[in-house]
Amino acid sequence: MSAKELQDWLGQEESAGSGWSKDDGSGETVGHESGRKIIAILENNPNKDPEKYEQEDIDHMRKVVAYCKRHLAQEQSAKQNPDSKSAKSLKNWGHDPQKS
């Protein structure tokens, strides 16, 4: 997903209720927070120049790739049903299973 697509998705109410809630009492999900980090990474380096990523960016994107890979392998419903909780959670992490 592009930064704009992800930002638009995170602005929708249906994105807020998908995934595990953070332990800080904010009501935000872990994936929603991750999506905000992904937007910042994409906006800070729109040309995707490898030399311009911070180590923190790389660490987060490795976490994102691992999450998406694991969940896509486990759940076919994400690809088959765009309204499933699994599909919505993957979109919070910046991956639209309908596009893959």
PDB file of N, CA and C in Angstrom:
ATOM      1  N   MET A   1       0.853  -1.182   0.000  1.00  0.00           N
ATOM      2  CA  MET A   1       0.000   0.000   0.000  1.00  0.00           C
ATOM      3  C   MET A   1       0.892   1.237   0.000  1.00  0.00           C
ATOM      4  N   SER A   2       0.437   2.267  -0.645  1.00  0.00           N
ATOM      5  CA  SER A   2       1.156   3.534  -0.618  1.00  0.00           C
ATOM      6  C   SER A   2       0.895   4.228   0.724  1.00  0.00           C
ATOM      7  N   ALA A   3       1.689   5.235   1.011  1.00  0.00           N
ATOM      8  CA  ALA A   3       1.482   6.000   2.247  1.00  0.00           C
ATOM      9  C   ALA A   3       0.079   6.601   2.269  1.00  0.00           C
ATOM     10  N   LYS A   4      -0.386   7.100   1.138  1.00  0.00           N
ATOM     11  CA  LYS A   4      -1.722   7.697   1.047  1.00  0.00           C
ATOM     12  C   LYS A   4      -2.809   6.650   1.263  1.00  0.00           C
ATOM     13  N   GLU A   5      -2.675   5.501   0.620  1.00  0.00           N
ATOM     14  CA  GLU A   5      -3.668   4.432   0.795  1.00  0.00           C
ATOM     15  C   GLU A   5      -3.738   3.992   2.253  1.00  0.00           C
ATOM     16  N   LEU A   6      -2.578   3.836   2.864  1.00  0.00           N
ATOM     17  CA  LEU A   6      -2.536   3.406   4.257  1.00  0.00           C
ATOM     18  C   LEU A   6      -3.110   4.471   5.181  1.00  0.00           C
ATOM     19  N   GLN A   7      -2.787   5.719   4.909  1.00  0.00           N
ATOM     20  CA  GLN A   7      -3.320   6.817   5.722  1.00  0.00           C
ATOM     21  C   GLN A   7      -4.848   6.878   5.604  1.00  0.00           C
ATOM     22  N   ASP A   8      -5.356   6.737   4.394  1.00  0.00           N
ATOM     23  CA  ASP A   8      -6.810   6.731   4.196  1.00  0.00           C
ATOM     24  C   ASP A   8      -7.453   5.563   4.943  1.00  0.00           C
ATOM     25  N   TRP A   9      -6.840   4.390   4.855  1.00  0.00           N
ATOM     26  CA  TRP A   9      -7.372   3.202   5.534  1.00  0.00           C
ATOM     27  C   TRP A   9      -7.380   3.402   7.056  1.00  0.00           C
ATOM     28  N   LEU A  10      -6.288   3.894   7.600  1.00  0.00           N
ATOM     29  CA  LEU A  10      -6.203   4.074   9.055  1.00  0.00           C
ATOM     30  C   LEU A  10      -7.187   5.123   9.549  1.00  0.00           C
ATOM     31  N   GLY A  11      -7.625   6.000   8.666  1.00  0.00           N
ATOM     32  CA  GLY A  11      -8.610   7.006   9.031  1.00  0.00           C
ATOM     33  C   GLY A  11     -10.033   6.478   9.094  1.00  0.00           C
ATOM     34  N   GLN A  12     -10.237   5.265   8.613  1.00  0.00           N
ATOM     35  CA  GLN A  12     -11.573   4.666   8.636  1.00  0.00           C
ATOM     36  C   GLN A  12     -11.814   3.963   9.971  1.00  0.00           C
ATOM     37  N   GLU A  13     -13.039   4.020  10.417  1.00  0.00           N
ATOM     38  CA  GLU A  13     -13.382   3.422  11.700  1.00  0.00           C
ATOM     39  C   GLU A  13     -13.150   1.913  11.718  1.00  0.00           C
ATOM     40  N   GLU A  14     -13.385   1.238  10.604  1.00  0.00           N
ATOM     41  CA  GLU A  14     -13.234  -0.214  10.592  1.00  0.00           C
ATOM     42  C   GLU A  14     -11.791  -0.663  10.802  1.00  0.00           C
ATOM     43  N   SER A  15     -10.823   0.200  10.560  1.00  0.00           N
ATOM     44  CA  SER A  15      -9.427  -0.176  10.787  1.00  0.00           C
ATOM     45  C   SER A  15      -9.082  -0.202  12.276  1.00  0.00           C
ATOM     46  N   ALA A  16      -9.791   0.578  13.064  1.00  0.00           N
ATOM     47  CA  ALA A  16      -9.460   0.720  14.485  1.00  0.00           C
ATOM     48  C   ALA A  16      -9.747  -0.536  15.299  1.00  0.00           C
ATOM     49  N   GLY A  17     -10.703  -1.351  14.894  1.00  0.00           N
ATOM     50  CA  GLY A  17     -11.097  -2.493  15.696  1.00  0.00           C
ATOM     51  C   GLY A  17     -10.471  -3.810  15.286  1.00  0.00           C
ATOM     52  N   SER A  18      -9.492  -3.778  14.416  1.00  0.00           N
ATOM     53  CA  SER A  18      -8.891  -5.014  13.916  1.00  0.00           C
ATOM     54  C   SER A  18      -7.526  -5.235  14.549  1.00  0.00           C
ATOM     55  N   GLY A  19      -7.377  -6.337  15.228  1.00  0.00           N
ATOM     56  CA  GLY A  19      -6.079  -6.693  15.795  1.00  0.00           C
ATOM     57  C   GLY A  19      -6.058  -6.609  17.305  1.00  0.00           C
ATOM     58  N   TRP A  20      -4.867  -6.803  17.837  1.00  0.00           N
ATOM     59  CA  TRP A  20      -4.653  -6.807  19.289  1.00  0.00           C
ATOM     60  C   TRP A  20      -4.535  -5.394  19.825  1.00  0.00           C
ATOM     61  N   SER A  21      -5.221  -5.123  20.919  1.00  0.00           N
ATOM     62  CA  SER A  21      -5.117  -3.808  21.557  1.00  0.00           C
ATOM     63  C   SER A  21      -3.774  -3.676  22.268  1.00  0.00           C
ATOM     64  N   LYS A  22      -3.248  -2.472  22.227  1.00  0.00           N
ATOM     65  CA  LYS A  22      -2.012  -2.190  22.952  1.00  0.00           C
ATOM     66  C   LYS A  22      -2.289  -2.247  24.456  1.00  0.00           C
ATOM     67  N   ASP A  23      -1.251  -2.452  25.233  1.00  0.00           N
ATOM     68  CA  ASP A  23      -1.386  -2.565  26.683  1.00  0.00           C
ATOM     69  C   ASP A  23      -1.384  -1.225  27.405  1.00  0.00           C
ATOM     70  N   ASP A  24      -1.358  -0.129  26.670  1.00  0.00           N
ATOM     71  CA  ASP A  24      -1.231   1.175  27.319  1.00  0.00           C
ATOM     72  C   ASP A  24      -2.574   1.845  27.625  1.00  0.00           C
ATOM     73  N   GLY A  25      -3.680   1.142  27.335  1.00  0.00           N
ATOM     74  CA  GLY A  25      -5.003   1.685  27.636  1.00  0.00           C
ATOM     75  C   GLY A  25      -5.503   2.711  26.628  1.00  0.00           C
ATOM     76  N   SER A  26      -4.771   2.918  25.543  1.00  0.00           N
ATOM     77  CA  SER A  26      -5.153   3.919  24.552  1.00  0.00           C
ATOM     78  C   SER A  26      -6.322   3.461  23.675  1.00  0.00           C
ATOM     79  N   GLY A  27      -6.534   2.157  23.591  1.00  0.00           N
ATOM     80  CA  GLY A  27      -7.563   1.623  22.716  1.00  0.00           C
ATOM     81  C   GLY A  27      -7.074   1.391  21.299  1.00  0.00           C
ATOM     82  N   GLU A  28      -5.878   1.844  20.996  1.00  0.00           N
ATOM     83  CA  GLU A  28      -5.306   1.641  19.669  1.00  0.00           C
ATOM     84  C   GLU A  28      -4.757   0.219  19.571  1.00  0.00           C
ATOM     85  N   THR A  29      -4.851  -0.364  18.366  1.00  0.00           N
ATOM     86  CA  THR A  29      -4.292  -1.700  18.174  1.00  0.00           C
ATOM     87  C   THR A  29      -2.812  -1.601  17.821  1.00  0.00           C
ATOM     88  N   VAL A  30      -2.119  -2.716  18.007  1.00  0.00           N
ATOM     89  CA  VAL A  30      -0.696  -2.784  17.672  1.00  0.00           C
ATOM     90  C   VAL A  30      -0.500  -2.524  16.179  1.00  0.00           C
ATOM     91  N   GLY A  31      -1.374  -3.111  15.353  1.00  0.00           N
ATOM     92  CA  GLY A  31      -1.268  -2.923  13.908  1.00  0.00           C
ATOM     93  C   GLY A  31      -1.534  -1.500  13.469  1.00  0.00           C
ATOM     94  N   HIS A  32      -2.463  -0.838  14.143  1.00  0.00           N
ATOM     95  CA  HIS A  32      -2.773   0.558  13.820  1.00  0.00           C
ATOM     96  C   HIS A  32      -1.552   1.436  14.095  1.00  0.00           C
ATOM     97  N   GLU A  33      -0.910   1.199  15.231  1.00  0.00           N
ATOM     98  CA  GLU A  33       0.320   1.931  15.555  1.00  0.00           C
ATOM     99  C   GLU A  33       1.407   1.636  14.521  1.00  0.00           C
ATOM    100  N   SER A  34       1.518   0.371  14.136  1.00  0.00           N
ATOM    101  CA  SER A  34       2.494  -0.017  13.126  1.00  0.00           C
ATOM    102  C   SER A  34       2.229   0.714  11.816  1.00  0.00           C
ATOM    103  N   GLY A  35       0.970   0.803  11.430  1.00  0.00           N
ATOM    104  CA  GLY A  35       0.610   1.510  10.204  1.00  0.00           C
ATOM    105  C   GLY A  35       1.050   2.960  10.216  1.00  0.00           C
ATOM    106  N   ARG A  36       0.907   3.611  11.363  1.00  0.00           N
ATOM    107  CA  ARG A  36       1.349   5.008  11.471  1.00  0.00           C
ATOM    108  C   ARG A  36       2.870   5.103  11.301  1.00  0.00           C
ATOM    109  N   LYS A  37       3.597   4.126  11.841  1.00  0.00           N
ATOM    110  CA  LYS A  37       5.064   4.100  11.678  1.00  0.00           C
ATOM    111  C   LYS A  37       5.434   3.880  10.211  1.00  0.00           C
ATOM    112  N   ILE A  38       4.702   3.002   9.543  1.00  0.00           N
ATOM    113  CA  ILE A  38       4.973   2.728   8.125  1.00  0.00           C
ATOM    114  C   ILE A  38       4.761   3.989   7.289  1.00  0.00           C
ATOM    115  N   ILE A  39       3.707   4.723   7.564  1.00  0.00           N
ATOM    116  CA  ILE A  39       3.457   5.977   6.849  1.00  0.00           C
ATOM    117  C   ILE A  39       4.636   6.931   7.020  1.00  0.00           C
ATOM    118  N   ALA A  40       5.113   7.067   8.238  1.00  0.00           N
ATOM    119  CA  ALA A  40       6.248   7.958   8.507  1.00  0.00           C
ATOM    120  C   ALA A  40       7.488   7.503   7.741  1.00  0.00           C
ATOM    121  N   ILE A  41       7.731   6.203   7.720  1.00  0.00           N
ATOM    122  CA  ILE A  41       8.894   5.674   6.992  1.00  0.00           C
ATOM    123  C   ILE A  41       8.768   5.986   5.505  1.00  0.00           C
ATOM    124  N   LEU A  42       7.604   5.745   4.929  1.00  0.00           N
ATOM    125  CA  LEU A  42       7.397   5.998   3.500  1.00  0.00           C
ATOM    126  C   LEU A  42       7.483   7.483   3.161  1.00  0.00           C
ATOM    127  N   GLU A  43       6.944   8.321   4.030  1.00  0.00           N
ATOM    128  CA  GLU A  43       6.979   9.764   3.767  1.00  0.00           C
ATOM    129  C   GLU A  43       8.380  10.349   3.953  1.00  0.00           C
ATOM    130  N   ASN A  44       9.152   9.797   4.882  1.00  0.00           N
ATOM    131  CA  ASN A  44      10.507  10.297   5.129  1.00  0.00           C
ATOM    132  C   ASN A  44      11.491   9.871   4.048  1.00  0.00           C
ATOM    133  N   ASN A  45      11.150   8.838   3.290  1.00  0.00           N
ATOM    134  CA  ASN A  45      12.039   8.346   2.246  1.00  0.00           C
ATOM    135  C   ASN A  45      11.206   7.912   1.032  1.00  0.00           C
ATOM    136  N   PRO A  46      10.575   8.882   0.359  1.00  0.00           N
ATOM    137  CA  PRO A  46       9.661   8.539  -0.748  1.00  0.00           C
ATOM    138  C   PRO A  46      10.350   7.837  -1.923  1.00  0.00           C
ATOM    139  N   ASN A  47      11.637   8.047  -2.096  1.00  0.00           N
ATOM    140  CA  ASN A  47      12.359   7.409  -3.198  1.00  0.00           C
ATOM    141  C   ASN A  47      12.924   6.052  -2.811  1.00  0.00           C
ATOM    142  N   LYS A  48      12.700   5.647  -1.564  1.00  0.00           N
ATOM    143  CA  LYS A  48      13.135   4.345  -1.046  1.00  0.00           C
ATOM    144  C   LYS A  48      14.639   4.131  -1.221  1.00  0.00           C
ATOM    145  N   ASP A  49      15.391   5.192  -0.959  1.00  0.00           N
ATOM    146  CA  ASP A  49      16.849   5.127  -1.022  1.00  0.00           C
ATOM    147  C   ASP A  49      17.354   4.335   0.186  1.00  0.00           C
ATOM    148  N   PRO A  50      17.985   3.176  -0.032  1.00  0.00           N
ATOM    149  CA  PRO A  50      18.436   2.340   1.086  1.00  0.00           C
ATOM    150  C   PRO A  50      19.359   3.066   2.073  1.00  0.00           C
ATOM    151  N   GLU A  51      20.101   4.043   1.588  1.00  0.00           N
ATOM    152  CA  GLU A  51      21.034   4.775   2.453  1.00  0.00           C
ATOM    153  C   GLU A  51      20.329   5.738   3.408  1.00  0.00           C
ATOM    154  N   LYS A  52      19.071   6.029   3.149  1.00  0.00           N
ATOM    155  CA  LYS A  52      18.359   7.020   3.952  1.00  0.00           C
ATOM    156  C   LYS A  52      17.467   6.423   5.034  1.00  0.00           C
ATOM    157  N   TYR A  53      17.467   5.098   5.157  1.00  0.00           N
ATOM    158  CA  TYR A  53      16.684   4.474   6.224  1.00  0.00           C
ATOM    159  C   TYR A  53      17.484   4.467   7.516  1.00  0.00           C
ATOM    160  N   GLU A  54      16.810   4.768   8.600  1.00  0.00           N
ATOM    161  CA  GLU A  54      17.413   4.646   9.926  1.00  0.00           C
ATOM    162  C   GLU A  54      17.331   3.174  10.342  1.00  0.00           C
ATOM    163  N   GLN A  55      18.176   2.760  11.270  1.00  0.00           N
ATOM    164  CA  GLN A  55      18.127   1.380  11.740  1.00  0.00           C
ATOM    165  C   GLN A  55      16.757   1.048  12.335  1.00  0.00           C
ATOM    166  N   GLU A  56      16.157   2.014  13.003  1.00  0.00           N
ATOM    167  CA  GLU A  56      14.816   1.820  13.583  1.00  0.00           C
ATOM    168  C   GLU A  56      13.779   1.528  12.492  1.00  0.00           C
ATOM    169  N   ASP A  57      13.917   2.206  11.337  1.00  0.00           N
ATOM    170  CA  ASP A  57      13.015   1.962  10.203  1.00  0.00           C
ATOM    171  C   ASP A  57      13.174   0.533   9.694  1.00  0.00           C
ATOM    172  N   ILE A  58      14.413   0.118   9.533  1.00  0.00           N
ATOM    173  CA  ILE A  58      14.708  -1.232   9.032  1.00  0.00           C
ATOM    174  C   ILE A  58      14.175  -2.282   9.998  1.00  0.00           C
ATOM    175  N   ASP A  59      14.397  -2.075  11.287  1.00  0.00           N
ATOM    176  CA  ASP A  59      13.910  -3.016  12.296  1.00  0.00           C
ATOM    177  C   ASP A  59      12.384  -3.129  12.243  1.00  0.00           C
ATOM    178  N   HIS A  60      11.719  -1.984  12.098  1.00  0.00           N
ATOM    179  CA  HIS A  60      10.255  -2.024  12.055  1.00  0.00           C
ATOM    180  C   HIS A  60       9.762  -2.729  10.795  1.00  0.00           C
ATOM    181  N   MET A  61      10.368  -2.450   9.663  1.00  0.00           N
ATOM    182  CA  MET A  61       9.911  -3.073   8.429  1.00  0.00           C
ATOM    183  C   MET A  61      10.171  -4.578   8.428  1.00  0.00           C
ATOM    184  N   ARG A  62      11.223  -5.022   9.093  1.00  0.00           N
ATOM    185  CA  ARG A  62      11.447  -6.471   9.238  1.00  0.00           C
ATOM    186  C   ARG A  62      10.312  -7.090  10.054  1.00  0.00           C
ATOM    187  N   LYS A  63       9.886  -6.380  11.085  1.00  0.00           N
ATOM    188  CA  LYS A  63       8.772  -6.834  11.913  1.00  0.00           C
ATOM    189  C   LYS A  63       7.496  -6.909  11.069  1.00  0.00           C
ATOM    190  N   VAL A  64       7.282  -5.909  10.218  1.00  0.00           N
ATOM    191  CA  VAL A  64       6.107  -5.868   9.349  1.00  0.00           C
ATOM    192  C   VAL A  64       6.112  -7.049   8.371  1.00  0.00           C
ATOM    193  N   VAL A  65       7.245  -7.288   7.741  1.00  0.00           N
ATOM    194  CA  VAL A  65       7.346  -8.385   6.774  1.00  0.00           C
ATOM    195  C   VAL A  65       7.080  -9.721   7.461  1.00  0.00           C
ATOM    196  N   ALA A  66       7.648  -9.915   8.646  1.00  0.00           N
ATOM    197  CA  ALA A  66       7.441 -11.168   9.383  1.00  0.00           C
ATOM    198  C   ALA A  66       5.968 -11.349   9.747  1.00  0.00           C
ATOM    199  N   TYR A  67       5.330 -10.279  10.202  1.00  0.00           N
ATOM    200  CA  TYR A  67       3.913 -10.343  10.569  1.00  0.00           C
ATOM    201  C   TYR A  67       3.070 -10.724   9.355  1.00  0.00           C
ATOM    202  N   CYS A  68       3.254 -10.022   8.259  1.00  0.00           N
ATOM    203  CA  CYS A  68       2.447 -10.264   7.059  1.00  0.00           C
ATOM    204  C   CYS A  68       2.682 -11.672   6.517  1.00  0.00           C
ATOM    205  N   LYS A  69       3.930 -12.090   6.461  1.00  0.00           N
ATOM    206  CA  LYS A  69       4.254 -13.420   5.954  1.00  0.00           C
ATOM    207  C   LYS A  69       3.592 -14.501   6.804  1.00  0.00           C
ATOM    208  N   ARG A  70       3.679 -14.364   8.100  1.00  0.00           N
ATOM    209  CA  ARG A  70       3.096 -15.338   9.023  1.00  0.00           C
ATOM    210  C   ARG A  70       1.576 -15.399   8.873  1.00  0.00           C
ATOM    211  N   HIS A  71       0.939 -14.254   8.837  1.00  0.00           N
ATOM    212  CA  HIS A  71      -0.519 -14.222   8.783  1.00  0.00           C
ATOM    213  C   HIS A  71      -1.070 -14.625   7.418  1.00  0.00           C
ATOM    214  N   LEU A  72      -0.374 -14.317   6.367  1.00  0.00           N
ATOM    215  CA  LEU A  72      -0.821 -14.756   5.047  1.00  0.00           C
ATOM    216  C   LEU A  72      -0.711 -16.272   4.912  1.00  0.00           C
ATOM    217  N   ALA A  73       0.301 -16.858   5.525  1.00  0.00           N
ATOM    218  CA  ALA A  73       0.478 -18.313   5.476  1.00  0.00           C
ATOM    219  C   ALA A  73      -0.589 -19.028   6.300  1.00  0.00           C
ATOM    220  N   GLN A  74      -1.023 -18.408   7.374  1.00  0.00           N
ATOM    221  CA  GLN A  74      -1.970 -19.040   8.290  1.00  0.00           C
ATOM    222  C   GLN A  74      -3.422 -18.877   7.861  1.00  0.00           C
ATOM    223  N   GLU A  75      -3.735 -17.782   7.225  1.00  0.00           N
ATOM    224  CA  GLU A  75      -5.143 -17.459   7.023  1.00  0.00           C
ATOM    225  C   GLU A  75      -5.463 -17.141   5.569  1.00  0.00           C
ATOM    226  N   GLN A  76      -6.117 -18.062   4.908  1.00  0.00           N
ATOM    227  CA  GLN A  76      -6.569 -17.834   3.538  1.00  0.00           C
ATOM    228  C   GLN A  76      -7.744 -16.863   3.488  1.00  0.00           C
ATOM    229  N   SER A  77      -8.456 -16.712   4.611  1.00  0.00           N
ATOM    230  CA  SER A  77      -9.637 -15.849   4.624  1.00  0.00           C
ATOM    231  C   SER A  77      -9.278 -14.404   4.294  1.00  0.00           C
ATOM    232  N   ALA A  78      -8.061 -13.995   4.593  1.00  0.00           N
ATOM    233  CA  ALA A  78      -7.653 -12.616   4.309  1.00  0.00           C
ATOM    234  C   ALA A  78      -7.696 -12.328   2.812  1.00  0.00           C
ATOM    235  N   LYS A  79      -7.319 -13.308   2.004  1.00  0.00           N
ATOM    236  CA  LYS A  79      -7.332 -13.124   0.555  1.00  0.00           C
ATOM    237  C   LYS A  79      -8.736 -13.292  -0.018  1.00  0.00           C
ATOM    238  N   GLN A  80      -9.525 -14.144   0.608  1.00  0.00           N
ATOM    239  CA  GLN A  80     -10.847 -14.468   0.080  1.00  0.00           C
ATOM    240  C   GLN A  80     -11.929 -13.504   0.530  1.00  0.00           C
ATOM    241  N   ASN A  81     -11.767 -12.924   1.716  1.00  0.00           N
ATOM    242  CA  ASN A  81     -12.814 -12.075   2.275  1.00  0.00           C
ATOM    243  C   ASN A  81     -12.223 -10.747   2.751  1.00  0.00           C
ATOM    244  N   PRO A  82     -12.365  -9.684   1.974  1.00  0.00           N
ATOM    245  CA  PRO A  82     -11.787  -8.396   2.352  1.00  0.00           C
ATOM    246  C   PRO A  82     -12.402  -7.799   3.619  1.00  0.00           C
ATOM    247  N   ASP A  83     -13.547  -8.325   4.047  1.00  0.00           N
ATOM    248  CA  ASP A  83     -14.183  -7.825   5.261  1.00  0.00           C
ATOM    249  C   ASP A  83     -13.799  -8.622   6.501  1.00  0.00           C
ATOM    250  N   SER A  84     -12.942  -9.633   6.341  1.00  0.00           N
ATOM    251  CA  SER A  84     -12.539 -10.443   7.493  1.00  0.00           C
ATOM    252  C   SER A  84     -11.628  -9.623   8.411  1.00  0.00           C
ATOM    253  N   LYS A  85     -11.632  -9.993   9.663  1.00  0.00           N
ATOM    254  CA  LYS A  85     -10.780  -9.312  10.639  1.00  0.00           C
ATOM    255  C   LYS A  85      -9.304  -9.467  10.261  1.00  0.00           C
ATOM    256  N   SER A  86      -8.970 -10.615   9.707  1.00  0.00           N
ATOM    257  CA  SER A  86      -7.603 -10.880   9.283  1.00  0.00           C
ATOM    258  C   SER A  86      -7.172  -9.927   8.165  1.00  0.00           C
ATOM    259  N   ALA A  87      -8.030  -9.726   7.174  1.00  0.00           N
ATOM    260  CA  ALA A  87      -7.710  -8.817   6.071  1.00  0.00           C
ATOM    261  C   ALA A  87      -7.558  -7.386   6.566  1.00  0.00           C
ATOM    262  N   LYS A  88      -8.425  -6.974   7.459  1.00  0.00           N
ATOM    263  CA  LYS A  88      -8.351  -5.618   8.010  1.00  0.00           C
ATOM    264  C   LYS A  88      -7.083  -5.432   8.827  1.00  0.00           C
ATOM    265  N   SER A  89      -6.715  -6.450   9.586  1.00  0.00           N
ATOM    266  CA  SER A  89      -5.497  -6.369  10.383  1.00  0.00           C
ATOM    267  C   SER A  89      -4.266  -6.256   9.485  1.00  0.00           C
ATOM    268  N   LEU A  90      -4.224  -7.046   8.417  1.00  0.00           N
ATOM    269  CA  LEU A  90      -3.101  -6.960   7.480  1.00  0.00           C
ATOM    270  C   LEU A  90      -3.017  -5.572   6.848  1.00  0.00           C
ATOM    271  N   LYS A  91      -4.154  -4.987   6.532  1.00  0.00           N
ATOM    272  CA  LYS A  91      -4.141  -3.631   5.961  1.00  0.00           C
ATOM    273  C   LYS A  91      -3.587  -2.625   6.961  1.00  0.00           C
ATOM    274  N   ASN A  92      -3.871  -2.826   8.255  1.00  0.00           N
ATOM    275  CA  ASN A  92      -3.292  -1.941   9.267  1.00  0.00           C
ATOM    276  C   ASN A  92      -1.774  -2.006   9.240  1.00  0.00           C
ATOM    277  N   TRP A  93      -1.236  -3.163   8.864  1.00  0.00           N
ATOM    278  CA  TRP A  93       0.210  -3.365   8.783  1.00  0.00           C
ATOM    279  C   TRP A  93       0.751  -3.002   7.401  1.00  0.00           C
ATOM    280  N   GLY A  94      -0.087  -2.378   6.570  1.00  0.00           N
ATOM    281  CA  GLY A  94       0.377  -1.878   5.278  1.00  0.00           C
ATOM    282  C   GLY A  94       0.309  -2.869   4.141  1.00  0.00           C
ATOM    283  N   HIS A  95      -0.402  -3.993   4.336  1.00  0.00           N
ATOM    284  CA  HIS A  95      -0.496  -5.002   3.282  1.00  0.00           C
ATOM    285  C   HIS A  95      -1.963  -5.246   2.947  1.00  0.00           C
ATOM    286  N   ASP A  96      -2.336  -4.976   1.715  1.00  0.00           N
ATOM    287  CA  ASP A  96      -3.705  -5.235   1.265  1.00  0.00           C
ATOM    288  C   ASP A  96      -3.719  -6.605   0.591  1.00  0.00           C
ATOM    289  N   PRO A  97      -4.289  -7.635   1.244  1.00  0.00           N
ATOM    290  CA  PRO A  97      -4.246  -8.979   0.672  1.00  0.00           C
ATOM    291  C   PRO A  97      -5.000  -9.102  -0.653  1.00  0.00           C
ATOM    292  N   GLN A  98      -5.864  -8.168  -0.957  1.00  0.00           N
ATOM    293  CA  GLN A  98      -6.597  -8.202  -2.224  1.00  0.00           C
ATOM    294  C   GLN A  98      -5.693  -7.795  -3.406  1.00  0.00           C
ATOM    295  N   LYS A  99      -4.575  -7.161  -3.104  1.00  0.00           N
ATOM    296  CA  LYS A  99      -3.661  -6.727  -4.158  1.00  0.00           C
ATOM    297  C   LYS A  99      -2.576  -7.760  -4.464  1.00  0.00           C
ATOM    298  N   SER A 100      -2.444  -8.770  -3.607  1.00  0.00           N
ATOM    299  CA  SER A 100      -1.351  -9.738  -3.826  1.00  0.00           C
ATOM    300  C   SER A 100      -1.807 -10.965  -4.548  1.00  0.00           C
TER     301      SER A 100
END
